[in-house]
Amino acid sequence: MKIAATTLGETGGDLLAQTMNVGYLVSSLILIGAFLVSLVIQLRARAFHPALYWTVILSTSTAGTTISDFMNRTAGLGYAKGALVLITGLSAVFAVWKLSGHSFDVVRISTFGGELLYWTAILFSNTLGTSLGDFLADDSGLGYSGGALLIGGVLLLTLVAKYATAIPNTLLFWLAFVLTRPLGATVGDFFSKPTTKGGLGYGTIGSSLVLAAVLAALIARTVWQQRGRGAVPHGQQPEPEQDNRSTRSSDRVNRF
């Protein structure tokens, strides 16, 4: 679901900025506005709603696409410098998160401040992922398919590390979470870019429609599963005084 959302974020952001010729700056402002609206609704929600949660994920991905492109192309930073700036920003978010005392374990996020840091980190990671994906596809010479295969291989190693090493799951989660974005960037461009540029030539509209249908089907499946087991994940019953944010967060991480 995360890969589908990040890939759709790439094609959707390009659809608005390039195909519809809105431009990176205006597109970024529009998509940041959509992100803030969906985020406010998410932060006020007292239970896990799959459609709402994935709407926020998708909004961070589409906004991240246009923000990254604006930084790297319009502002002229380039992919490498843009990625470095965003790595610094993401590191700063994690440093503030660490100093705040909130848990990095997404299962344990149960406060407003912790969830706000969580979504800020996601926005930075999705923006960073676009720069990394574009760097691999364009500057490194790997191309869209080569970049996707490289990131896919690293994700596979992350999965192996979960079962074969003692590396903390929280660290592996965030590593995988960040890596899904450059994977989505390279795969999205691979589907949408013309064949003369190394893509499959499906365009931003066709690619976005297919990816939106896939993500919608997966969200519908999640809603069906949630209704089948009730509001509390895996039969766990929260204490009456417990903020349902912890229940929502526990259920949320299981979507990955």
C-alpha atoms as a PDB file:
ATOM      1  CA  MET A   1       0.000   0.000   0.000  1.00  0.00           C
ATOM      2  CA  LYS A   2       2.854   2.381   0.802  1.00  0.00           C
ATOM      3  CA  ILE A   3       4.569   1.622  -2.512  1.00  0.00           C
ATOM      4  CA  ALA A   4       1.287   2.145  -4.387  1.00  0.00           C
ATOM      5  CA  ALA A   5       0.719   5.443  -2.560  1.00  0.00           C
ATOM      6  CA  THR A   6       4.243   6.741  -3.168  1.00  0.00           C
ATOM      7  CA  THR A   7       4.180   5.728  -6.834  1.00  0.00           C
ATOM      8  CA  LEU A   8       0.798   7.425  -7.249  1.00  0.00           C
ATOM      9  CA  GLY A   9       2.254  10.448  -5.470  1.00  0.00           C
ATOM     10  CA  GLU A  10       4.968  10.642  -8.124  1.00  0.00           C
ATOM     11  CA  THR A  11       2.631  10.336 -11.120  1.00  0.00           C
ATOM     12  CA  GLY A  12      -0.044  12.500  -9.464  1.00  0.00           C
ATOM     13  CA  GLY A  13       2.400  15.274  -8.638  1.00  0.00           C
ATOM     14  CA  ASP A  14       3.784  15.202 -12.181  1.00  0.00           C
ATOM     15  CA  LEU A  15       0.235  15.181 -13.565  1.00  0.00           C
ATOM     16  CA  LEU A  16      -0.575  18.436 -11.779  1.00  0.00           C
ATOM     17  CA  ALA A  17       2.758  20.202 -12.243  1.00  0.00           C
ATOM     18  CA  GLN A  18       3.769  19.016 -15.715  1.00  0.00           C
ATOM     19  CA  THR A  19       0.840  17.543 -17.658  1.00  0.00           C
ATOM     20  CA  MET A  20      -1.617  20.202 -16.469  1.00  0.00           C
ATOM     21  CA  ASN A  21       1.197  22.792 -16.620  1.00  0.00           C
ATOM     22  CA  VAL A  22       0.391  24.226 -13.192  1.00  0.00           C
ATOM     23  CA  GLY A  23       4.059  24.487 -12.319  1.00  0.00           C
ATOM     24  CA  TYR A  24       6.048  23.180  -9.378  1.00  0.00           C
ATOM     25  CA  LEU A  25       5.560  26.169  -7.056  1.00  0.00           C
ATOM     26  CA  VAL A  26       1.794  26.517  -7.452  1.00  0.00           C
ATOM     27  CA  SER A  27       1.363  22.744  -7.388  1.00  0.00           C
ATOM     28  CA  SER A  28       3.364  22.568  -4.159  1.00  0.00           C
ATOM     29  CA  LEU A  29       1.185  25.233  -2.534  1.00  0.00           C
ATOM     30  CA  ILE A  30      -1.992  23.426  -3.590  1.00  0.00           C
ATOM     31  CA  LEU A  31      -0.774  20.039  -2.400  1.00  0.00           C
ATOM     32  CA  ILE A  32       0.654  21.377   0.872  1.00  0.00           C
ATOM     33  CA  GLY A  33      -2.783  22.884   1.515  1.00  0.00           C
ATOM     34  CA  ALA A  34      -4.410  19.507   0.841  1.00  0.00           C
ATOM     35  CA  PHE A  35      -1.898  17.858   3.171  1.00  0.00           C
ATOM     36  CA  LEU A  36      -2.609  20.327   6.003  1.00  0.00           C
ATOM     37  CA  VAL A  37      -6.382  19.884   5.682  1.00  0.00           C
ATOM     38  CA  SER A  38      -6.151  16.087   5.708  1.00  0.00           C
ATOM     39  CA  LEU A  39      -3.608  16.201   8.551  1.00  0.00           C
ATOM     40  CA  VAL A  40      -5.872  18.302  10.785  1.00  0.00           C
ATOM     41  CA  ILE A  41      -8.712  15.824  10.231  1.00  0.00           C
ATOM     42  CA  GLN A  42      -6.367  12.906  10.941  1.00  0.00           C
ATOM     43  CA  LEU A  43      -5.030  14.457  14.143  1.00  0.00           C
ATOM     44  CA  ARG A  44      -8.559  15.089  15.397  1.00  0.00           C
ATOM     45  CA  ALA A  45      -9.725  11.554  14.633  1.00  0.00           C
ATOM     46  CA  ARG A  46     -10.105   9.311  17.667  1.00  0.00           C
ATOM     47  CA  ALA A  47      -9.895   6.010  15.820  1.00  0.00           C
ATOM     48  CA  PHE A  48      -8.088   4.539  12.837  1.00  0.00           C
ATOM     49  CA  HIS A  49      -9.823   5.262   9.526  1.00  0.00           C
ATOM     50  CA  PRO A  50      -7.947   3.608   6.624  1.00  0.00           C
ATOM     51  CA  ALA A  51      -9.216   5.962   3.914  1.00  0.00           C
ATOM     52  CA  LEU A  52      -8.280   9.026   5.971  1.00  0.00           C
ATOM     53  CA  TYR A  53      -4.872   7.677   6.966  1.00  0.00           C
ATOM     54  CA  TRP A  54      -3.912   6.784   3.390  1.00  0.00           C
ATOM     55  CA  THR A  55      -5.223  10.119   2.150  1.00  0.00           C
ATOM     56  CA  VAL A  56      -2.668  11.835   4.387  1.00  0.00           C
ATOM     57  CA  ILE A  57       0.069   9.450   3.206  1.00  0.00           C
ATOM     58  CA  LEU A  58      -0.858  10.168  -0.417  1.00  0.00           C
ATOM     59  CA  SER A  59      -0.940  13.925   0.190  1.00  0.00           C
ATOM     60  CA  THR A  60       2.583  13.846   1.659  1.00  0.00           C
ATOM     61  CA  SER A  61       3.764  11.880  -1.357  1.00  0.00           C
ATOM     62  CA  THR A  62       2.241  14.154  -4.007  1.00  0.00           C
ATOM     63  CA  ALA A  63       3.349  17.285  -2.137  1.00  0.00           C
ATOM     64  CA  GLY A  64       6.798  15.761  -1.692  1.00  0.00           C
ATOM     65  CA  THR A  65       7.061  15.207  -5.444  1.00  0.00           C
ATOM     66  CA  THR A  66       6.377  18.825  -6.395  1.00  0.00           C
ATOM     67  CA  ILE A  67       8.352  20.303  -3.473  1.00  0.00           C
ATOM     68  CA  SER A  68      11.389  18.241  -4.433  1.00  0.00           C
ATOM     69  CA  ASP A  69      11.057  19.134  -8.116  1.00  0.00           C
ATOM     70  CA  PHE A  70      10.719  22.814  -7.241  1.00  0.00           C
ATOM     71  CA  MET A  71      13.857  22.698  -5.096  1.00  0.00           C
ATOM     72  CA  ASN A  72      15.911  20.686  -7.549  1.00  0.00           C
ATOM     73  CA  ARG A  73      14.737  22.070 -10.884  1.00  0.00           C
ATOM     74  CA  THR A  74      13.134  25.497 -10.473  1.00  0.00           C
ATOM     75  CA  ALA A  75      15.399  26.639  -7.634  1.00  0.00           C
ATOM     76  CA  GLY A  76      18.361  24.946  -9.307  1.00  0.00           C
ATOM     77  CA  LEU A  77      19.742  22.952  -6.378  1.00  0.00           C
ATOM     78  CA  GLY A  78      20.063  19.760  -8.363  1.00  0.00           C
ATOM     79  CA  TYR A  79      19.192  16.280  -7.159  1.00  0.00           C
ATOM     80  CA  ALA A  80      22.308  15.672  -5.053  1.00  0.00           C
ATOM     81  CA  LYS A  81      22.200  19.005  -3.195  1.00  0.00           C
ATOM     82  CA  GLY A  82      18.434  18.786  -2.840  1.00  0.00           C
ATOM     83  CA  ALA A  83      18.726  15.317  -1.324  1.00  0.00           C
ATOM     84  CA  LEU A  84      21.426  16.557   1.065  1.00  0.00           C
ATOM     85  CA  VAL A  85      19.224  19.444   2.236  1.00  0.00           C
ATOM     86  CA  LEU A  86      16.311  17.076   2.813  1.00  0.00           C
ATOM     87  CA  ILE A  87      18.471  14.500   4.609  1.00  0.00           C
ATOM     88  CA  THR A  88      19.558  17.314   6.930  1.00  0.00           C
ATOM     89  CA  GLY A  89      15.938  18.337   7.459  1.00  0.00           C
ATOM     90  CA  LEU A  90      14.802  14.776   8.165  1.00  0.00           C
ATOM     91  CA  SER A  91      17.716  14.288  10.579  1.00  0.00           C
ATOM     92  CA  ALA A  92      16.685  17.480  12.367  1.00  0.00           C
ATOM     93  CA  VAL A  93      13.117  16.181  12.713  1.00  0.00           C
ATOM     94  CA  PHE A  94      14.391  12.931  14.224  1.00  0.00           C
ATOM     95  CA  ALA A  95      16.690  14.901  16.567  1.00  0.00           C
ATOM     96  CA  VAL A  96      13.761  16.988  17.807  1.00  0.00           C
ATOM     97  CA  TRP A  97      11.720  13.801  18.111  1.00  0.00           C
ATOM     98  CA  LYS A  98      14.459  12.207  20.214  1.00  0.00           C
ATOM     99  CA  LEU A  99      14.786  15.240  22.482  1.00  0.00           C
ATOM    100  CA  SER A 100      11.013  15.456  22.903  1.00  0.00           C
ATOM    101  CA  GLY A 101      10.948  12.074  24.648  1.00  0.00           C
ATOM    102  CA  HIS A 102       8.277  10.644  22.330  1.00  0.00           C
ATOM    103  CA  SER A 103       8.821   7.048  21.233  1.00  0.00           C
ATOM    104  CA  PHE A 104      10.088   6.354  17.706  1.00  0.00           C
ATOM    105  CA  ASP A 105       8.103   3.123  17.794  1.00  0.00           C
ATOM    106  CA  VAL A 106       5.000   3.884  15.730  1.00  0.00           C
ATOM    107  CA  VAL A 107       3.017   1.316  17.723  1.00  0.00           C
ATOM    108  CA  ARG A 108       3.566   3.452  20.819  1.00  0.00           C
ATOM    109  CA  ILE A 109       2.645   6.837  19.360  1.00  0.00           C
ATOM    110  CA  SER A 110      -0.291   7.890  21.520  1.00  0.00           C
ATOM    111  CA  THR A 111      -0.003  11.682  21.894  1.00  0.00           C
ATOM    112  CA  PHE A 112      -0.772  14.647  19.687  1.00  0.00           C
ATOM    113  CA  GLY A 113       2.858  15.805  19.732  1.00  0.00           C
ATOM    114  CA  GLY A 114       4.179  12.368  18.864  1.00  0.00           C
ATOM    115  CA  GLU A 115       1.808  11.994  15.949  1.00  0.00           C
ATOM    116  CA  LEU A 116       2.649  15.482  14.678  1.00  0.00           C
ATOM    117  CA  LEU A 117       6.340  14.540  14.630  1.00  0.00           C
ATOM    118  CA  TYR A 118       5.420  11.293  12.881  1.00  0.00           C
ATOM    119  CA  TRP A 119       3.669  13.094  10.036  1.00  0.00           C
ATOM    120  CA  THR A 120       6.399  15.728   9.762  1.00  0.00           C
ATOM    121  CA  ALA A 121       8.961  12.948   9.358  1.00  0.00           C
ATOM    122  CA  ILE A 122       6.786  11.317   6.703  1.00  0.00           C
ATOM    123  CA  LEU A 123       6.518  14.563   4.719  1.00  0.00           C
ATOM    124  CA  PHE A 124      10.291  15.038   4.806  1.00  0.00           C
ATOM    125  CA  SER A 125      10.968  11.381   3.966  1.00  0.00           C
ATOM    126  CA  ASN A 126       8.609  11.432   0.986  1.00  0.00           C
ATOM    127  CA  THR A 127      10.148  14.660  -0.315  1.00  0.00           C
ATOM    128  CA  LEU A 128      13.626  13.230   0.187  1.00  0.00           C
ATOM    129  CA  GLY A 129      12.628  10.047  -1.608  1.00  0.00           C
ATOM    130  CA  THR A 130      11.719  11.976  -4.733  1.00  0.00           C
ATOM    131  CA  SER A 131      15.161  13.600  -4.849  1.00  0.00           C
ATOM    132  CA  LEU A 132      16.902  10.279  -4.261  1.00  0.00           C
ATOM    133  CA  GLY A 133      14.819   8.557  -6.903  1.00  0.00           C
ATOM    134  CA  ASP A 134      15.498  11.277  -9.457  1.00  0.00           C
ATOM    135  CA  PHE A 135      19.200  11.223  -8.595  1.00  0.00           C
ATOM    136  CA  LEU A 136      19.391   7.465  -9.162  1.00  0.00           C
ATOM    137  CA  ALA A 137      17.367   7.591 -12.368  1.00  0.00           C
ATOM    138  CA  ASP A 138      19.044  10.621 -13.948  1.00  0.00           C
ATOM    139  CA  ASP A 139      22.386  11.590 -12.422  1.00  0.00           C
ATOM    140  CA  SER A 140      23.677   8.119 -11.569  1.00  0.00           C
ATOM    141  CA  GLY A 141      22.998   6.712 -15.017  1.00  0.00           C
ATOM    142  CA  LEU A 142      20.981   3.765 -13.691  1.00  0.00           C
ATOM    143  CA  GLY A 143      17.796   4.874 -15.392  1.00  0.00           C
ATOM    144  CA  TYR A 144      14.282   4.364 -14.053  1.00  0.00           C
ATOM    145  CA  SER A 145      14.322   0.565 -14.118  1.00  0.00           C
ATOM    146  CA  GLY A 146      17.875   0.353 -12.753  1.00  0.00           C
ATOM    147  CA  GLY A 147      17.079   2.732  -9.904  1.00  0.00           C
ATOM    148  CA  ALA A 148      13.932   0.765  -9.060  1.00  0.00           C
ATOM    149  CA  LEU A 149      15.858  -2.527  -9.023  1.00  0.00           C
ATOM    150  CA  LEU A 150      18.543  -1.051  -6.749  1.00  0.00           C
ATOM    151  CA  ILE A 151      16.056   0.317  -4.213  1.00  0.00           C
ATOM    152  CA  GLY A 152      14.023  -2.891  -4.423  1.00  0.00           C
ATOM    153  CA  GLY A 153      17.166  -4.888  -3.623  1.00  0.00           C
ATOM    154  CA  VAL A 154      17.927  -2.722  -0.586  1.00  0.00           C
ATOM    155  CA  LEU A 155      14.333  -3.161   0.606  1.00  0.00           C
ATOM    156  CA  LEU A 156      14.725  -6.921   0.227  1.00  0.00           C
ATOM    157  CA  LEU A 157      17.882  -6.780   2.361  1.00  0.00           C
ATOM    158  CA  THR A 158      15.913  -4.791   4.952  1.00  0.00           C
ATOM    159  CA  LEU A 159      13.333  -7.572   5.045  1.00  0.00           C
ATOM    160  CA  VAL A 160      16.062 -10.170   5.474  1.00  0.00           C
ATOM    161  CA  ALA A 161      17.597  -8.099   8.281  1.00  0.00           C
ATOM    162  CA  LYS A 162      14.284  -8.176  10.154  1.00  0.00           C
ATOM    163  CA  TYR A 163      14.437 -11.958  10.480  1.00  0.00           C
ATOM    164  CA  ALA A 164      18.180 -12.623  10.361  1.00  0.00           C
ATOM    165  CA  THR A 165      19.669  -9.873  12.521  1.00  0.00           C
ATOM    166  CA  ALA A 166      19.155  -8.165  15.860  1.00  0.00           C
ATOM    167  CA  ILE A 167      18.698  -4.712  14.297  1.00  0.00           C
ATOM    168  CA  PRO A 168      15.749  -3.010  16.066  1.00  0.00           C
ATOM    169  CA  ASN A 169      12.485  -3.257  14.164  1.00  0.00           C
ATOM    170  CA  THR A 170      11.854   0.465  14.663  1.00  0.00           C
ATOM    171  CA  LEU A 171      15.058   1.327  12.771  1.00  0.00           C
ATOM    172  CA  LEU A 172      14.200  -1.141  10.007  1.00  0.00           C
ATOM    173  CA  PHE A 173      10.672   0.268   9.783  1.00  0.00           C
ATOM    174  CA  TRP A 174      11.893   3.817   9.189  1.00  0.00           C
ATOM    175  CA  LEU A 175      14.555   2.631   6.750  1.00  0.00           C
ATOM    176  CA  ALA A 176      11.937   0.763   4.743  1.00  0.00           C
ATOM    177  CA  PHE A 177       9.512   3.661   5.048  1.00  0.00           C
ATOM    178  CA  VAL A 178      12.017   6.108   3.553  1.00  0.00           C
ATOM    179  CA  LEU A 179      13.121   3.694   0.820  1.00  0.00           C
ATOM    180  CA  THR A 180       9.603   3.076  -0.481  1.00  0.00           C
ATOM    181  CA  ARG A 181       9.517   6.689  -1.691  1.00  0.00           C
ATOM    182  CA  PRO A 182      12.497   6.599  -4.091  1.00  0.00           C
ATOM    183  CA  LEU A 183      11.167   3.236  -5.245  1.00  0.00           C
ATOM    184  CA  GLY A 184       7.835   4.908  -5.987  1.00  0.00           C
ATOM    185  CA  ALA A 185       9.595   7.795  -7.723  1.00  0.00           C
ATOM    186  CA  THR A 186      11.562   5.550 -10.060  1.00  0.00           C
ATOM    187  CA  VAL A 187       8.691   3.146 -10.735  1.00  0.00           C
ATOM    188  CA  GLY A 188       6.269   6.035 -11.310  1.00  0.00           C
ATOM    189  CA  ASP A 189       8.611   7.664 -13.818  1.00  0.00           C
ATOM    190  CA  PHE A 190       9.279   4.271 -15.432  1.00  0.00           C
ATOM    191  CA  PHE A 191       5.557   3.842 -16.116  1.00  0.00           C
ATOM    192  CA  SER A 192       4.768   7.428 -17.104  1.00  0.00           C
ATOM    193  CA  LYS A 193       7.804   8.711 -19.007  1.00  0.00           C
ATOM    194  CA  PRO A 194       7.974   8.254 -22.805  1.00  0.00           C
ATOM    195  CA  THR A 195       9.906   5.359 -24.270  1.00  0.00           C
ATOM    196  CA  THR A 196      12.461   7.778 -25.701  1.00  0.00           C
ATOM    197  CA  LYS A 197      13.454   8.622 -22.114  1.00  0.00           C
ATOM    198  CA  GLY A 198      13.544   5.031 -20.900  1.00  0.00           C
ATOM    199  CA  GLY A 199       9.953   4.776 -19.670  1.00  0.00           C
ATOM    200  CA  LEU A 200       6.973   2.712 -20.760  1.00  0.00           C
ATOM    201  CA  GLY A 201       5.047   5.686 -22.102  1.00  0.00           C
ATOM    202  CA  TYR A 202       1.751   5.255 -20.228  1.00  0.00           C
ATOM    203  CA  GLY A 203       1.706   8.936 -19.259  1.00  0.00           C
ATOM    204  CA  THR A 204       0.837  10.543 -15.951  1.00  0.00           C
ATOM    205  CA  ILE A 205      -2.929  10.235 -16.471  1.00  0.00           C
ATOM    206  CA  GLY A 206      -3.030   6.537 -17.355  1.00  0.00           C
ATOM    207  CA  SER A 207      -0.484   5.596 -14.690  1.00  0.00           C
ATOM    208  CA  SER A 208      -2.279   7.625 -12.015  1.00  0.00           C
ATOM    209  CA  LEU A 209      -5.664   6.066 -12.822  1.00  0.00           C
ATOM    210  CA  VAL A 210      -4.291   2.532 -12.571  1.00  0.00           C
ATOM    211  CA  LEU A 211      -2.404   3.246  -9.331  1.00  0.00           C
ATOM    212  CA  ALA A 212      -5.418   5.011  -7.797  1.00  0.00           C
ATOM    213  CA  ALA A 213      -7.566   1.962  -8.559  1.00  0.00           C
ATOM    214  CA  VAL A 214      -4.983  -0.357  -6.967  1.00  0.00           C
ATOM    215  CA  LEU A 215      -4.706   1.789  -3.840  1.00  0.00           C
ATOM    216  CA  ALA A 216      -8.491   2.167  -3.560  1.00  0.00           C
ATOM    217  CA  ALA A 217      -8.908  -1.621  -3.768  1.00  0.00           C
ATOM    218  CA  LEU A 218      -6.303  -2.153  -1.040  1.00  0.00           C
ATOM    219  CA  ILE A 219      -7.953   0.467   1.192  1.00  0.00           C
ATOM    220  CA  ALA A 220     -11.327  -1.221   0.670  1.00  0.00           C
ATOM    221  CA  ARG A 221      -9.767  -4.528   1.707  1.00  0.00           C
ATOM    222  CA  THR A 222      -8.339  -2.898   4.834  1.00  0.00           C
ATOM    223  CA  VAL A 223     -11.760  -1.448   5.731  1.00  0.00           C
ATOM    224  CA  TRP A 224     -13.334  -4.870   5.269  1.00  0.00           C
ATOM    225  CA  GLN A 225     -10.714  -6.484   7.518  1.00  0.00           C
ATOM    226  CA  GLN A 226     -11.148  -3.770  10.142  1.00  0.00           C
ATOM    227  CA  ARG A 227     -14.901  -4.271  10.262  1.00  0.00           C
ATOM    228  CA  GLY A 228     -14.397  -7.997  10.535  1.00  0.00           C
ATOM    229  CA  ARG A 229     -12.333  -7.732  13.702  1.00  0.00           C
ATOM    230  CA  GLY A 230     -13.916  -4.619  15.222  1.00  0.00           C
ATOM    231  CA  ALA A 231     -12.384  -1.271  16.143  1.00  0.00           C
ATOM    232  CA  VAL A 232      -9.684  -2.746  18.393  1.00  0.00           C
ATOM    233  CA  PRO A 233      -6.863  -4.492  16.486  1.00  0.00           C
ATOM    234  CA  HIS A 234      -6.127  -8.149  17.090  1.00  0.00           C
ATOM    235  CA  GLY A 235      -8.680  -8.454  19.873  1.00  0.00           C
ATOM    236  CA  GLN A 236      -6.859  -6.106  22.222  1.00  0.00           C
ATOM    237  CA  GLN A 237      -9.072  -4.067  24.505  1.00  0.00           C
ATOM    238  CA  PRO A 238      -7.772  -0.613  25.525  1.00  0.00           C
ATOM    239  CA  GLU A 239      -8.353   0.676  29.013  1.00  0.00           C
ATOM    240  CA  PRO A 240     -11.442   2.912  29.290  1.00  0.00           C
ATOM    241  CA  GLU A 241      -9.347   6.004  30.027  1.00  0.00           C
ATOM    242  CA  GLN A 242      -6.829   5.281  27.255  1.00  0.00           C
ATOM    243  CA  ASP A 243      -6.731   7.709  24.350  1.00  0.00           C
ATOM    244  CA  ASN A 244      -7.768   5.797  21.260  1.00  0.00           C
ATOM    245  CA  ARG A 245      -4.781   7.301  19.452  1.00  0.00           C
ATOM    246  CA  SER A 246      -2.701   4.393  20.774  1.00  0.00           C
ATOM    247  CA  THR A 247      -5.224   1.940  19.369  1.00  0.00           C
ATOM    248  CA  ARG A 248      -5.198   3.781  16.072  1.00  0.00           C
ATOM    249  CA  SER A 249      -1.404   3.819  15.965  1.00  0.00           C
ATOM    250  CA  SER A 250      -1.155   0.107  16.742  1.00  0.00           C
ATOM    251  CA  ASP A 251      -3.636  -0.672  14.006  1.00  0.00           C
ATOM    252  CA  ARG A 252      -1.903   1.745  11.673  1.00  0.00           C
ATOM    253  CA  VAL A 253       1.519   0.095  11.783  1.00  0.00           C
ATOM    254  CA  ASN A 254      -0.029  -3.243  10.874  1.00  0.00           C
ATOM    255  CA  ARG A 255      -0.993  -1.797   7.493  1.00  0.00           C
ATOM    256  CA  PHE A 256       2.720  -2.106   6.640  1.00  0.00           C
END
